[in-house]
Amino acid sequence: MIAPQPPLVLASTSPTRRELLARLGLPFEVHAPQVDEAAQPGEAPAALALRLAQAKAQAAAQHCAARLIIGSDQVAVVGEQVLGKPGDRTGAAAQLALASGQVMLFQTAVCLLNTATGEAATRLVPFEVELRRLSLAQIERYLDREQPFGCAGSLRSEGLGVTLCERMTGDDPTALLGLPLIALCELLRAQGVALP
């Protein structure tokens, strides 16, 4: 007889991450973690994404016993500049002006924490997006219609952000959306979760 799997918890407030996880057809709960997302001095973007994904899972673990907790975080980078969530229109316009005609690298990390065993595993999935050269008018039209103020790099690629793109390169398109499902499936299988 197969032992029942621990319930899943998504440690995120993101509706997109909830939609992505729902694609796997597994029941899950949602917990909103309280985590300071500021980078530490000298912290590389990849290290920041990994640390925050794990911190979100650990924050949820304080409230969720005997669960498999999924934490995820994404950091966007143009050159050496880390682009977080812009928060408002001014920040989003500045981010998109900076990224115009450039390659934006998204470092998306996922952590799966088993609160019963204390075991945590993480994966980092990079994804590159080359943006077209954008005029101020194009940026303003995009911001009028999309309002991506809670998206890393102001690029909501699942919506109108795709119109700003020249090309996309990566192994897992769901990483660009904020939850790399291919990597997550690997982590879930390692914990005995039955997936098709």
Protein backbone atom coordinates (compact mmCIF):
# COMPACT_ATOMS: atom_id res chain seq x y z
CA MET A 1 0.00 0.00 0.00
CA ILE A 2 1.33 3.45 -0.93
CA ALA A 3 1.68 5.87 1.96
CA PRO A 4 -0.37 9.04 1.55
CA GLN A 5 1.69 12.05 0.49
CA PRO A 6 1.90 15.07 2.76
CA PRO A 7 -0.36 17.94 1.69
CA LEU A 8 1.20 20.63 -0.51
CA VAL A 9 1.44 24.28 0.51
CA LEU A 10 2.33 27.08 -1.88
CA ALA A 11 4.16 29.82 0.04
CA SER A 12 3.17 32.69 -2.21
CA THR A 13 0.67 35.49 -2.70
CA SER A 14 1.08 35.38 -6.49
CA PRO A 15 -2.06 34.49 -8.47
CA THR A 16 0.17 33.41 -11.37
CA ARG A 17 2.06 30.93 -9.19
CA ARG A 18 -1.27 29.55 -7.95
CA GLU A 19 -2.44 29.07 -11.54
CA LEU A 20 0.81 27.39 -12.51
CA LEU A 21 0.75 24.96 -9.58
CA ALA A 22 -2.89 24.12 -10.33
CA ARG A 23 -1.74 22.78 -13.73
CA LEU A 24 -0.28 19.75 -11.94
CA GLY A 25 -3.74 18.67 -10.76
CA LEU A 26 -2.63 18.23 -7.15
CA PRO A 27 -4.58 19.67 -4.22
CA PHE A 28 -2.71 22.42 -2.36
CA GLU A 29 -3.14 25.10 0.25
CA VAL A 30 -1.81 28.65 0.00
CA HIS A 31 0.10 30.45 2.72
CA ALA A 32 1.31 34.05 2.41
CA PRO A 33 4.87 34.18 3.78
CA GLN A 34 6.20 37.35 5.38
CA VAL A 35 9.76 37.67 4.02
CA ASP A 36 12.01 40.69 3.55
CA GLU A 37 12.95 40.50 -0.13
CA ALA A 38 15.83 42.99 0.02
CA ALA A 39 19.18 41.78 -1.30
CA GLN A 40 22.07 41.42 1.10
CA PRO A 41 25.20 43.48 0.38
CA GLY A 42 27.11 41.95 -2.54
CA GLU A 43 24.54 39.17 -3.02
CA ALA A 44 24.46 37.81 -6.58
CA PRO A 45 21.04 37.67 -8.29
CA ALA A 46 21.04 33.86 -8.45
CA ALA A 47 21.95 33.59 -4.77
CA LEU A 48 19.22 36.12 -3.90
CA ALA A 49 16.55 34.13 -5.76
CA LEU A 50 17.63 30.87 -4.10
CA ARG A 51 17.77 32.41 -0.62
CA LEU A 52 14.33 34.02 -0.96
CA ALA A 53 12.69 30.84 -2.31
CA GLN A 54 14.01 28.95 0.71
CA ALA A 55 13.10 31.76 3.12
CA LYS A 56 9.51 31.78 1.86
CA ALA A 57 9.20 28.02 2.35
CA GLN A 58 10.70 28.25 5.83
CA ALA A 59 8.41 31.14 6.79
CA ALA A 60 5.37 29.07 5.82
CA ALA A 61 6.77 26.04 7.67
CA GLN A 62 6.29 27.85 10.98
CA HIS A 63 2.53 27.59 10.41
CA CYS A 64 2.28 24.30 8.50
CA ALA A 65 3.25 20.99 10.07
CA ALA A 66 3.71 17.74 8.09
CA ARG A 67 3.54 19.44 4.70
CA LEU A 68 5.52 19.79 1.51
CA ILE A 69 6.01 23.52 1.16
CA ILE A 70 6.84 25.20 -2.14
CA GLY A 71 8.67 28.52 -2.09
CA SER A 72 9.65 30.37 -5.24
CA ASP A 73 11.24 33.67 -6.11
CA GLN A 74 12.36 35.46 -9.24
CA VAL A 75 15.01 38.10 -9.83
CA ALA A 76 15.34 39.98 -13.12
CA VAL A 77 18.72 41.33 -14.22
CA VAL A 78 19.80 43.65 -17.03
CA GLY A 79 23.58 43.85 -17.23
CA GLU A 80 24.62 44.27 -13.60
CA GLN A 81 21.34 45.93 -12.57
CA VAL A 82 18.88 43.86 -10.50
CA LEU A 83 15.27 44.72 -11.30
CA GLY A 84 12.79 43.81 -8.61
CA LYS A 85 9.08 44.52 -8.52
CA PRO A 86 8.73 48.17 -9.57
CA GLY A 87 5.81 48.93 -7.25
CA ASP A 88 4.45 51.81 -9.33
CA ARG A 89 4.24 53.27 -12.82
CA THR A 90 7.36 55.43 -12.49
CA GLY A 91 9.48 52.46 -11.43
CA ALA A 92 8.05 50.27 -14.18
CA ALA A 93 8.72 52.89 -16.87
CA ALA A 94 12.32 53.27 -15.67
CA GLN A 95 12.87 49.50 -15.70
CA LEU A 96 11.50 49.10 -19.22
CA ALA A 97 13.51 52.07 -20.53
CA LEU A 98 16.65 50.48 -19.07
CA ALA A 99 15.80 47.07 -20.57
CA SER A 100 14.85 48.42 -24.02
CA GLY A 101 16.89 46.58 -26.67
CA GLN A 102 18.68 44.58 -23.95
CA VAL A 103 18.66 41.00 -22.68
CA MET A 104 16.83 40.59 -19.40
CA LEU A 105 17.90 37.50 -17.45
CA PHE A 106 15.32 36.02 -15.11
CA GLN A 107 16.75 33.86 -12.32
CA THR A 108 13.84 31.83 -10.93
CA ALA A 109 14.37 29.62 -7.91
CA VAL A 110 12.11 27.01 -6.38
CA CYS A 111 12.45 25.31 -3.01
CA LEU A 112 10.57 22.25 -1.77
CA LEU A 113 10.67 21.86 2.01
CA ASN A 114 9.40 18.72 3.73
CA THR A 115 8.42 19.90 7.20
CA ALA A 116 8.16 16.33 8.50
CA THR A 117 11.82 15.55 7.73
CA GLY A 118 13.32 19.04 7.54
CA GLU A 119 14.71 18.21 4.10
CA ALA A 120 14.86 21.15 1.68
CA ALA A 121 15.88 21.01 -1.98
CA THR A 122 16.25 23.95 -4.34
CA ARG A 123 16.67 24.48 -8.06
CA LEU A 124 17.58 27.58 -10.06
CA VAL A 125 16.20 27.96 -13.57
CA PRO A 126 17.49 30.84 -15.75
CA PHE A 127 15.48 32.27 -18.62
CA GLU A 128 16.53 35.05 -21.03
CA VAL A 129 14.30 37.57 -22.74
CA GLU A 130 15.59 39.99 -25.33
CA LEU A 131 13.41 43.07 -25.48
CA ARG A 132 12.77 45.06 -28.64
CA ARG A 133 13.89 48.67 -28.73
CA LEU A 134 10.98 50.41 -27.05
CA SER A 135 9.82 53.97 -27.53
CA LEU A 136 8.44 55.95 -24.62
CA ALA A 137 5.00 55.79 -26.29
CA GLN A 138 5.18 51.97 -26.49
CA ILE A 139 6.16 51.75 -22.82
CA GLU A 140 3.34 54.10 -21.82
CA ARG A 141 0.74 52.12 -23.83
CA TYR A 142 1.93 48.88 -22.27
CA LEU A 143 1.75 50.35 -18.76
CA ASP A 144 -1.71 51.80 -19.43
CA ARG A 145 -3.05 48.37 -20.33
CA GLU A 146 -0.99 45.90 -18.29
CA GLN A 147 0.07 47.65 -15.05
CA PRO A 148 2.82 45.10 -14.22
CA PHE A 149 3.81 46.80 -10.97
CA GLY A 150 4.13 43.54 -9.04
CA CYS A 151 6.24 41.76 -11.68
CA ALA A 152 10.03 41.48 -11.56
CA GLY A 153 11.43 43.65 -14.33
CA SER A 154 7.93 44.97 -15.16
CA LEU A 155 7.59 42.27 -17.80
CA ARG A 156 4.27 40.41 -17.60
CA SER A 157 5.08 37.96 -20.37
CA GLU A 158 1.87 35.95 -19.92
CA GLY A 159 0.00 39.12 -20.89
CA LEU A 160 0.89 42.06 -23.11
CA GLY A 161 4.54 41.89 -22.06
CA VAL A 162 5.04 39.38 -24.85
CA THR A 163 4.59 42.25 -27.33
CA LEU A 164 7.76 43.85 -25.96
CA CYS A 165 9.88 40.78 -26.66
CA GLU A 166 12.22 40.02 -29.55
CA ARG A 167 13.09 36.49 -28.45
CA MET A 168 12.98 34.19 -25.43
CA THR A 169 15.49 31.51 -24.53
CA GLY A 170 15.28 28.93 -21.77
CA ASP A 171 14.58 25.33 -20.85
CA ASP A 172 11.29 25.89 -19.01
CA PRO A 173 8.84 28.64 -20.06
CA THR A 174 7.06 28.39 -16.71
CA ALA A 175 10.26 29.68 -15.07
CA LEU A 176 9.66 33.00 -16.80
CA LEU A 177 6.20 33.11 -15.20
CA GLY A 178 7.64 32.64 -11.70
CA LEU A 179 7.33 28.93 -10.85
CA PRO A 180 9.53 26.49 -12.82
CA LEU A 181 7.25 23.47 -13.06
CA ILE A 182 9.78 21.11 -14.68
CA ALA A 183 12.18 21.60 -11.76
CA LEU A 184 9.33 21.45 -9.25
CA CYS A 185 8.11 18.14 -10.68
CA GLU A 186 11.60 16.71 -10.21
CA LEU A 187 11.60 17.83 -6.58
CA LEU A 188 8.09 16.48 -5.96
CA ARG A 189 8.95 13.08 -7.45
CA ALA A 190 12.00 12.90 -5.18
CA GLN A 191 9.57 13.26 -2.24
CA GLY A 192 7.39 10.43 -3.53
CA VAL A 193 4.63 12.56 -5.03
CA ALA A 194 2.87 10.67 -7.82
CA LEU A 195 2.81 12.69 -11.02
CA PRO A 196 1.71 11.47 -14.46
